[in-house]
Amino acid sequence: MESIIVTRHAGTVAWLRARGIEGEVIAHATPEDVMGRVVYGVLPMHLAAEADQVWVIDLPGLKPEDRGRDLTPEEMDSAGATLAGYWVSRIERAK
């Protein structure tokens, strides 16, 4: 299954590649980009539901002042970076 990486952070791409994760890197995903693919990165729920799998990097030790900053792979490791995978399904609310 084809993988893509959705991020605008070079450090995230380097961290993933150091773990053998490859794929086209895109900054902003569309439904067509993610449909049926394994996605590494953060997606809104409506896009995550289109992907086959979504893998996010959890950073439990990330300091508030480092949020949104392009971290180096070493800084990510120091923040406790791990991968967590999800299957997301869209459900319809009964009326």
Protein backbone atom coordinates (compact mmCIF):
# COMPACT_ATOMS: atom_id res chain seq x y z
CA MET A 1 0.00 0.00 0.00
CA GLU A 2 1.30 3.43 -0.93
CA SER A 3 2.36 5.79 1.87
CA ILE A 4 2.42 9.57 1.97
CA ILE A 5 3.80 11.96 4.56
CA VAL A 6 1.69 15.02 5.34
CA THR A 7 3.78 17.69 7.04
CA ARG A 8 5.51 20.99 6.46
CA HIS A 9 8.29 20.13 8.92
CA ALA A 10 11.61 18.87 7.54
CA GLY A 11 12.55 17.45 10.95
CA THR A 12 9.45 15.23 10.91
CA VAL A 13 10.37 13.88 7.48
CA ALA A 14 13.93 13.16 8.64
CA TRP A 15 12.63 11.44 11.81
CA LEU A 16 10.30 9.21 9.78
CA ARG A 17 12.92 8.36 7.16
CA ALA A 18 15.38 7.38 9.90
CA ARG A 19 12.79 4.75 10.83
CA GLY A 20 12.45 3.45 7.27
CA ILE A 21 9.24 5.31 6.47
CA GLU A 22 9.18 6.72 2.95
CA GLY A 23 6.57 8.39 0.79
CA GLU A 24 5.70 11.49 -1.12
CA VAL A 25 5.79 14.53 1.17
CA ILE A 26 2.95 17.03 0.88
CA ALA A 27 2.17 20.03 3.06
CA HIS A 28 -1.61 20.11 2.64
CA ALA A 29 -3.63 17.00 1.78
CA THR A 30 -6.80 16.64 -0.25
CA PRO A 31 -9.21 13.70 -0.22
CA GLU A 32 -7.60 12.46 -3.44
CA ASP A 33 -4.15 12.55 -1.83
CA VAL A 34 -5.09 10.33 1.12
CA MET A 35 -7.80 8.04 -0.28
CA GLY A 36 -6.88 4.42 0.42
CA ARG A 37 -3.31 5.26 1.45
CA VAL A 38 -1.22 4.91 4.58
CA VAL A 39 -0.75 8.47 5.82
CA TYR A 40 1.92 9.68 8.23
CA GLY A 41 0.99 13.06 9.65
CA VAL A 42 -1.86 15.01 11.17
CA LEU A 43 -5.14 15.15 9.27
CA PRO A 44 -8.57 16.58 9.99
CA MET A 45 -11.06 13.81 10.72
CA HIS A 46 -12.89 14.12 7.39
CA LEU A 47 -9.61 13.38 5.56
CA ALA A 48 -8.46 10.72 8.03
CA ALA A 49 -11.66 8.81 7.27
CA GLU A 50 -10.60 8.60 3.60
CA ALA A 51 -7.20 7.05 4.40
CA ASP A 52 -6.58 3.34 4.92
CA GLN A 53 -4.41 4.06 7.98
CA VAL A 54 -3.27 7.22 9.72
CA TRP A 55 -0.04 7.30 11.74
CA VAL A 56 0.71 10.27 13.96
CA ILE A 57 3.79 11.16 15.94
CA ASP A 58 2.99 11.52 19.61
CA LEU A 59 5.30 13.88 21.49
CA PRO A 60 4.29 13.50 25.16
CA GLY A 61 7.23 15.56 26.45
CA LEU A 62 6.83 18.46 24.02
CA LYS A 63 7.11 21.84 25.75
CA PRO A 64 4.34 24.34 24.96
CA GLU A 65 6.86 26.81 23.53
CA ASP A 66 8.01 24.17 21.00
CA ARG A 67 4.55 23.55 19.51
CA GLY A 68 4.41 24.42 15.79
CA ARG A 69 8.19 24.74 15.55
CA ASP A 70 10.19 22.56 13.14
CA LEU A 71 11.97 20.25 15.57
CA THR A 72 15.09 18.29 14.73
CA PRO A 73 14.87 14.49 14.94
CA GLU A 74 16.98 14.68 18.11
CA GLU A 75 14.56 17.17 19.69
CA MET A 76 11.68 14.88 18.73
CA ASP A 77 13.39 11.94 20.42
CA SER A 78 14.00 14.07 23.52
CA ALA A 79 10.26 14.86 23.58
CA GLY A 80 9.53 11.09 23.60
CA ALA A 81 8.42 10.78 19.97
CA THR A 82 6.56 7.57 19.11
CA LEU A 83 4.26 6.53 16.28
CA ALA A 84 0.61 5.71 16.94
CA GLY A 85 -1.64 4.25 14.23
CA TYR A 86 -5.36 4.76 13.75
CA TRP A 87 -8.19 3.52 11.56
CA VAL A 88 -10.78 6.25 11.21
CA SER A 89 -14.32 5.59 9.98
CA ARG A 90 -17.01 8.08 9.18
CA ILE A 91 -20.34 7.26 10.81
CA GLU A 92 -23.74 8.72 10.09
CA ARG A 93 -25.82 10.08 12.92
CA ALA A 94 -29.35 8.70 13.13
CA LYS A 95 -32.01 11.38 12.70
